[in-house]
Amino acid sequence: MTDQETEKKIEQLQLLEQNLQAFLAQKQQFQTQEIEIDSALGEIKDKKDAYKIVGNIMVNVDAKQLSEELTQKKENLNIRIKSVEKQEEKIRERVKSIQAEVLKKIKPSE
């Protein structure tokens, strides 16, 4: 591998690290939403009525219906989290591979 190829690999590593950080931020955002949904589900668990914010207003809704909506939203978030985790794992594997190539080039043979 030439020095120019090594530089390109290092640039790739930097981009992959940025992508990884973006995925981690997205995953954290989804996990925060999941915690909020769990909290809301706990609050309306044994209630008959609940309130839901729609746009700029708060409306009275059936707690069971709201619970079903929140449960569906939570399932969708779980799917998204798993998808992000898979992408994150692929990036981590790619980073490992490129790091190994770069280190092999940089370190002198012993």
C-alpha atoms as a PDB file:
ATOM      1  CA  MET A   1       0.000   0.000   0.000  1.00  0.00           C
ATOM      2  CA  THR A   2       1.418   3.396  -0.985  1.00  0.00           C
ATOM      3  CA  ASP A   3       1.417   6.465   1.223  1.00  0.00           C
ATOM      4  CA  GLN A   4      -1.394   7.920  -0.868  1.00  0.00           C
ATOM      5  CA  GLU A   5      -3.478   4.775  -0.379  1.00  0.00           C
ATOM      6  CA  THR A   6      -2.769   4.925   3.340  1.00  0.00           C
ATOM      7  CA  GLU A   7      -3.965   8.528   3.453  1.00  0.00           C
ATOM      8  CA  LYS A   8      -7.155   7.543   1.636  1.00  0.00           C
ATOM      9  CA  LYS A   9      -7.717   4.734   4.147  1.00  0.00           C
ATOM     10  CA  ILE A  10      -7.260   7.191   7.012  1.00  0.00           C
ATOM     11  CA  GLU A  11      -9.772   9.543   5.387  1.00  0.00           C
ATOM     12  CA  GLN A  12     -12.164   6.599   5.066  1.00  0.00           C
ATOM     13  CA  LEU A  13     -11.672   5.863   8.744  1.00  0.00           C
ATOM     14  CA  GLN A  14     -12.525   9.440   9.652  1.00  0.00           C
ATOM     15  CA  LEU A  15     -15.703   9.325   7.570  1.00  0.00           C
ATOM     16  CA  LEU A  16     -16.701   6.002   9.076  1.00  0.00           C
ATOM     17  CA  GLU A  17     -16.138   7.389  12.571  1.00  0.00           C
ATOM     18  CA  GLN A  18     -18.380  10.353  11.731  1.00  0.00           C
ATOM     19  CA  ASN A  19     -21.054   7.974  10.430  1.00  0.00           C
ATOM     20  CA  LEU A  20     -20.728   5.901  13.559  1.00  0.00           C
ATOM     21  CA  GLN A  21     -21.208   8.982  15.739  1.00  0.00           C
ATOM     22  CA  ALA A  22     -24.320   9.907  13.734  1.00  0.00           C
ATOM     23  CA  PHE A  23     -25.755   6.415  14.200  1.00  0.00           C
ATOM     24  CA  LEU A  24     -25.016   6.523  17.917  1.00  0.00           C
ATOM     25  CA  ALA A  25     -26.793   9.886  18.234  1.00  0.00           C
ATOM     26  CA  GLN A  26     -29.774   8.562  16.300  1.00  0.00           C
ATOM     27  CA  LYS A  27     -29.886   5.415  18.427  1.00  0.00           C
ATOM     28  CA  GLN A  28     -29.764   7.481  21.602  1.00  0.00           C
ATOM     29  CA  GLN A  29     -32.628   9.644  20.328  1.00  0.00           C
ATOM     30  CA  PHE A  30     -34.732   6.544  19.616  1.00  0.00           C
ATOM     31  CA  GLN A  31     -33.925   5.109  23.041  1.00  0.00           C
ATOM     32  CA  THR A  32     -34.983   8.369  24.695  1.00  0.00           C
ATOM     33  CA  GLN A  33     -38.280   8.256  22.811  1.00  0.00           C
ATOM     34  CA  GLU A  34     -38.730   4.644  23.928  1.00  0.00           C
ATOM     35  CA  ILE A  35     -38.221   5.643  27.581  1.00  0.00           C
ATOM     36  CA  GLU A  36     -40.778   8.438  27.183  1.00  0.00           C
ATOM     37  CA  ILE A  37     -43.282   5.998  25.705  1.00  0.00           C
ATOM     38  CA  ASP A  38     -42.702   3.520  28.545  1.00  0.00           C
ATOM     39  CA  SER A  39     -43.301   6.329  31.029  1.00  0.00           C
ATOM     40  CA  ALA A  40     -46.507   7.391  29.263  1.00  0.00           C
ATOM     41  CA  LEU A  41     -47.734   3.788  29.135  1.00  0.00           C
ATOM     42  CA  GLY A  42     -47.105   3.482  32.869  1.00  0.00           C
ATOM     43  CA  GLU A  43     -49.071   6.651  33.551  1.00  0.00           C
ATOM     44  CA  ILE A  44     -52.167   5.606  31.589  1.00  0.00           C
ATOM     45  CA  LYS A  45     -52.067   1.938  32.557  1.00  0.00           C
ATOM     46  CA  ASP A  46     -55.219   1.834  34.711  1.00  0.00           C
ATOM     47  CA  LYS A  47     -56.889   4.987  33.436  1.00  0.00           C
ATOM     48  CA  LYS A  48     -60.077   5.220  31.440  1.00  0.00           C
ATOM     49  CA  ASP A  49     -59.297   8.547  29.791  1.00  0.00           C
ATOM     50  CA  ALA A  50     -56.053  10.241  28.900  1.00  0.00           C
ATOM     51  CA  TYR A  51     -54.900  13.329  27.078  1.00  0.00           C
ATOM     52  CA  LYS A  52     -52.969  13.455  23.866  1.00  0.00           C
ATOM     53  CA  ILE A  53     -51.262  16.464  22.330  1.00  0.00           C
ATOM     54  CA  VAL A  54     -52.316  16.979  18.727  1.00  0.00           C
ATOM     55  CA  GLY A  55     -50.636  19.940  17.114  1.00  0.00           C
ATOM     56  CA  ASN A  56     -51.047  22.839  19.529  1.00  0.00           C
ATOM     57  CA  ILE A  57     -53.958  21.406  21.496  1.00  0.00           C
ATOM     58  CA  MET A  58     -54.490  18.688  24.063  1.00  0.00           C
ATOM     59  CA  VAL A  59     -57.449  16.369  23.455  1.00  0.00           C
ATOM     60  CA  ASN A  60     -59.161  13.827  25.650  1.00  0.00           C
ATOM     61  CA  VAL A  61     -58.796  10.290  24.242  1.00  0.00           C
ATOM     62  CA  ASP A  62     -59.590   6.760  25.305  1.00  0.00           C
ATOM     63  CA  ALA A  63     -56.642   5.481  27.340  1.00  0.00           C
ATOM     64  CA  LYS A  64     -56.859   2.025  25.774  1.00  0.00           C
ATOM     65  CA  GLN A  65     -56.669   3.456  22.273  1.00  0.00           C
ATOM     66  CA  LEU A  66     -53.754   5.692  23.259  1.00  0.00           C
ATOM     67  CA  SER A  67     -52.022   2.726  24.863  1.00  0.00           C
ATOM     68  CA  GLU A  68     -52.350   0.760  21.618  1.00  0.00           C
ATOM     69  CA  GLU A  69     -50.936   3.692  19.625  1.00  0.00           C
ATOM     70  CA  LEU A  70     -48.010   4.066  22.014  1.00  0.00           C
ATOM     71  CA  THR A  71     -47.322   0.328  21.974  1.00  0.00           C
ATOM     72  CA  GLN A  72     -47.248   0.370  18.162  1.00  0.00           C
ATOM     73  CA  LYS A  73     -44.948   3.385  18.205  1.00  0.00           C
ATOM     74  CA  LYS A  74     -42.663   1.585  20.664  1.00  0.00           C
ATOM     75  CA  GLU A  75     -42.534  -1.497  18.403  1.00  0.00           C
ATOM     76  CA  ASN A  76     -41.593   0.730  15.453  1.00  0.00           C
ATOM     77  CA  LEU A  77     -38.859   2.365  17.531  1.00  0.00           C
ATOM     78  CA  ASN A  78     -37.503  -1.062  18.500  1.00  0.00           C
ATOM     79  CA  ILE A  79     -37.293  -2.001  14.814  1.00  0.00           C
ATOM     80  CA  ARG A  80     -35.474   1.248  14.061  1.00  0.00           C
ATOM     81  CA  ILE A  81     -33.071   0.729  16.971  1.00  0.00           C
ATOM     82  CA  LYS A  82     -32.245  -2.785  15.758  1.00  0.00           C
ATOM     83  CA  SER A  83     -31.687  -1.473  12.242  1.00  0.00           C
ATOM     84  CA  VAL A  84     -29.351   1.243  13.505  1.00  0.00           C
ATOM     85  CA  GLU A  85     -27.505  -1.331  15.625  1.00  0.00           C
ATOM     86  CA  LYS A  86     -26.976  -3.547  12.565  1.00  0.00           C
ATOM     87  CA  GLN A  87     -25.644  -0.608  10.561  1.00  0.00           C
ATOM     88  CA  GLU A  88     -23.478   0.392  13.506  1.00  0.00           C
ATOM     89  CA  GLU A  89     -22.028  -3.105  13.705  1.00  0.00           C
ATOM     90  CA  LYS A  90     -21.229  -3.140   9.965  1.00  0.00           C
ATOM     91  CA  ILE A  91     -19.436   0.175  10.290  1.00  0.00           C
ATOM     92  CA  ARG A  92     -17.494  -1.055  13.332  1.00  0.00           C
ATOM     93  CA  GLU A  93     -16.362  -4.132  11.374  1.00  0.00           C
ATOM     94  CA  ARG A  94     -15.303  -1.949   8.437  1.00  0.00           C
ATOM     95  CA  VAL A  95     -13.405   0.380  10.797  1.00  0.00           C
ATOM     96  CA  LYS A  96     -11.614  -2.592  12.347  1.00  0.00           C
ATOM     97  CA  SER A  97     -10.615  -3.873   8.938  1.00  0.00           C
ATOM     98  CA  ILE A  98      -9.316  -0.533   7.701  1.00  0.00           C
ATOM     99  CA  GLN A  99      -7.496   0.131  10.985  1.00  0.00           C
ATOM    100  CA  ALA A 100      -5.729  -3.201  10.659  1.00  0.00           C
ATOM    101  CA  GLU A 101      -4.651  -2.345   7.095  1.00  0.00           C
ATOM    102  CA  VAL A 102      -3.381   1.090   8.102  1.00  0.00           C
ATOM    103  CA  LEU A 103      -1.558  -0.184  11.185  1.00  0.00           C
ATOM    104  CA  LYS A 104       0.077  -2.895   9.120  1.00  0.00           C
ATOM    105  CA  LYS A 105       1.379  -0.241   6.750  1.00  0.00           C
ATOM    106  CA  ILE A 106       2.446   2.213   9.439  1.00  0.00           C
ATOM    107  CA  LYS A 107       4.142  -0.245  11.795  1.00  0.00           C
ATOM    108  CA  PRO A 108       7.515  -1.447  10.628  1.00  0.00           C
ATOM    109  CA  SER A 109       7.859  -5.178  10.150  1.00  0.00           C
ATOM    110  CA  GLU A 110       9.444  -6.920  13.100  1.00  0.00           C
END
